[in-house]
Amino acid sequence: MAAFIIRALYGENFSVTTTPYFTDVPSNDPFFKYVQKIRDLRITSGCTATTFCPEQSLTRGQVATFLARATQVRH
């Protein structure tokens, strides 16, 4: 979902914070830059203060919340 939203907003051309926010998404993860950016934009803060839970399924409500927050992003 992070990659979907960030690609919709920026394509592949965007900068990110390089220090990982989440212990379960290290900098060598292929989705690291998307997870970092979705956190930078405050679309989500993860499932806990230190984890993103990338393998956890999202509910329709969570997806709707992410999409609603993404519409508020200013480029």
C-alpha atoms as a PDB file:
ATOM      1  CA  MET A   1       0.000   0.000   0.000  1.00  0.00           C
ATOM      2  CA  ALA A   2       2.863   2.373   0.783  1.00  0.00           C
ATOM      3  CA  ALA A   3       4.366   1.874  -2.670  1.00  0.00           C
ATOM      4  CA  PHE A   4       0.958   2.291  -4.340  1.00  0.00           C
ATOM      5  CA  ILE A   5       0.256   5.609  -2.605  1.00  0.00           C
ATOM      6  CA  ILE A   6       3.734   7.076  -2.982  1.00  0.00           C
ATOM      7  CA  ARG A   7       3.989   6.079  -6.644  1.00  0.00           C
ATOM      8  CA  ALA A   8       0.596   7.702  -7.258  1.00  0.00           C
ATOM      9  CA  LEU A   9       1.784  10.914  -5.616  1.00  0.00           C
ATOM     10  CA  TYR A  10       5.397  11.105  -6.833  1.00  0.00           C
ATOM     11  CA  GLY A  11       6.170   8.316  -9.268  1.00  0.00           C
ATOM     12  CA  GLU A  12       9.715   7.222  -8.508  1.00  0.00           C
ATOM     13  CA  ASN A  13      11.214  10.706  -8.082  1.00  0.00           C
ATOM     14  CA  PHE A  14      11.210  11.677  -4.402  1.00  0.00           C
ATOM     15  CA  SER A  15      13.569  12.036  -1.477  1.00  0.00           C
ATOM     16  CA  VAL A  16      13.335  10.212   1.849  1.00  0.00           C
ATOM     17  CA  THR A  17      14.786  10.258   5.315  1.00  0.00           C
ATOM     18  CA  THR A  18      17.655   7.755   5.229  1.00  0.00           C
ATOM     19  CA  THR A  19      17.585   6.665   8.875  1.00  0.00           C
ATOM     20  CA  PRO A  20      14.978   3.879   9.192  1.00  0.00           C
ATOM     21  CA  TYR A  21      11.930   4.730  11.254  1.00  0.00           C
ATOM     22  CA  PHE A  22      10.927   1.101  11.664  1.00  0.00           C
ATOM     23  CA  THR A  23      12.932  -1.897  12.857  1.00  0.00           C
ATOM     24  CA  ASP A  24      11.061  -4.266  10.536  1.00  0.00           C
ATOM     25  CA  VAL A  25      11.798  -2.260   7.336  1.00  0.00           C
ATOM     26  CA  PRO A  26      15.594  -1.941   7.097  1.00  0.00           C
ATOM     27  CA  SER A  27      17.261   0.312   4.539  1.00  0.00           C
ATOM     28  CA  ASN A  28      17.997  -2.684   2.259  1.00  0.00           C
ATOM     29  CA  ASP A  29      14.300  -3.607   1.998  1.00  0.00           C
ATOM     30  CA  PRO A  30      12.990  -3.042  -1.559  1.00  0.00           C
ATOM     31  CA  PHE A  31      10.051  -1.034  -0.153  1.00  0.00           C
ATOM     32  CA  PHE A  32      12.137   1.029   2.281  1.00  0.00           C
ATOM     33  CA  LYS A  33      11.872   4.299   0.373  1.00  0.00           C
ATOM     34  CA  TYR A  34       8.081   4.036   0.103  1.00  0.00           C
ATOM     35  CA  VAL A  35       7.648   3.199   3.780  1.00  0.00           C
ATOM     36  CA  GLN A  36       9.927   6.067   4.756  1.00  0.00           C
ATOM     37  CA  LYS A  37       8.054   8.530   2.555  1.00  0.00           C
ATOM     38  CA  ILE A  38       4.598   7.461   3.734  1.00  0.00           C
ATOM     39  CA  ARG A  39       5.817   8.045   7.291  1.00  0.00           C
ATOM     40  CA  ASP A  40       7.479  11.367   6.338  1.00  0.00           C
ATOM     41  CA  LEU A  41       4.121  12.534   4.951  1.00  0.00           C
ATOM     42  CA  ARG A  42       2.320  11.438   8.140  1.00  0.00           C
ATOM     43  CA  ILE A  43      -0.030   9.187   6.202  1.00  0.00           C
ATOM     44  CA  THR A  44       0.781   6.493   8.749  1.00  0.00           C
ATOM     45  CA  SER A  45       2.996   6.155  11.777  1.00  0.00           C
ATOM     46  CA  GLY A  46       3.212   2.357  11.584  1.00  0.00           C
ATOM     47  CA  CYS A  47       1.519  -0.286  13.669  1.00  0.00           C
ATOM     48  CA  THR A  48       3.631   0.583  16.741  1.00  0.00           C
ATOM     49  CA  ALA A  49       6.117   3.335  17.504  1.00  0.00           C
ATOM     50  CA  THR A  50       8.988   1.233  16.120  1.00  0.00           C
ATOM     51  CA  THR A  51       7.394  -1.217  13.662  1.00  0.00           C
ATOM     52  CA  PHE A  52       5.552  -0.903  10.363  1.00  0.00           C
ATOM     53  CA  CYS A  53       4.264  -4.507  10.178  1.00  0.00           C
ATOM     54  CA  PRO A  54       4.715  -4.849   6.400  1.00  0.00           C
ATOM     55  CA  GLU A  55       3.364  -8.408   6.328  1.00  0.00           C
ATOM     56  CA  GLN A  56       0.148  -7.504   8.145  1.00  0.00           C
ATOM     57  CA  SER A  57      -3.014  -7.194   6.055  1.00  0.00           C
ATOM     58  CA  LEU A  58      -4.860  -3.888   6.014  1.00  0.00           C
ATOM     59  CA  THR A  59      -8.558  -3.447   6.575  1.00  0.00           C
ATOM     60  CA  ARG A  60     -10.696  -1.462   4.148  1.00  0.00           C
ATOM     61  CA  GLY A  61     -10.986   1.187   6.827  1.00  0.00           C
ATOM     62  CA  GLN A  62      -7.210   1.505   7.118  1.00  0.00           C
ATOM     63  CA  VAL A  63      -6.836   1.767   3.340  1.00  0.00           C
ATOM     64  CA  ALA A  64      -9.572   4.406   3.225  1.00  0.00           C
ATOM     65  CA  THR A  65      -7.797   6.368   5.960  1.00  0.00           C
ATOM     66  CA  PHE A  66      -4.465   6.209   4.113  1.00  0.00           C
ATOM     67  CA  LEU A  67      -6.094   7.374   0.886  1.00  0.00           C
ATOM     68  CA  ALA A  68      -7.924  10.205   2.628  1.00  0.00           C
ATOM     69  CA  ARG A  69      -4.698  11.382   4.254  1.00  0.00           C
ATOM     70  CA  ALA A  70      -2.849  11.097   0.942  1.00  0.00           C
ATOM     71  CA  THR A  71      -5.330  13.502  -0.673  1.00  0.00           C
ATOM     72  CA  GLN A  72      -4.244  16.128   1.869  1.00  0.00           C
ATOM     73  CA  VAL A  73      -0.564  15.911   0.875  1.00  0.00           C
ATOM     74  CA  ARG A  74       0.854  19.092  -0.601  1.00  0.00           C
ATOM     75  CA  HIS A  75       3.546  18.553  -3.220  1.00  0.00           C
END
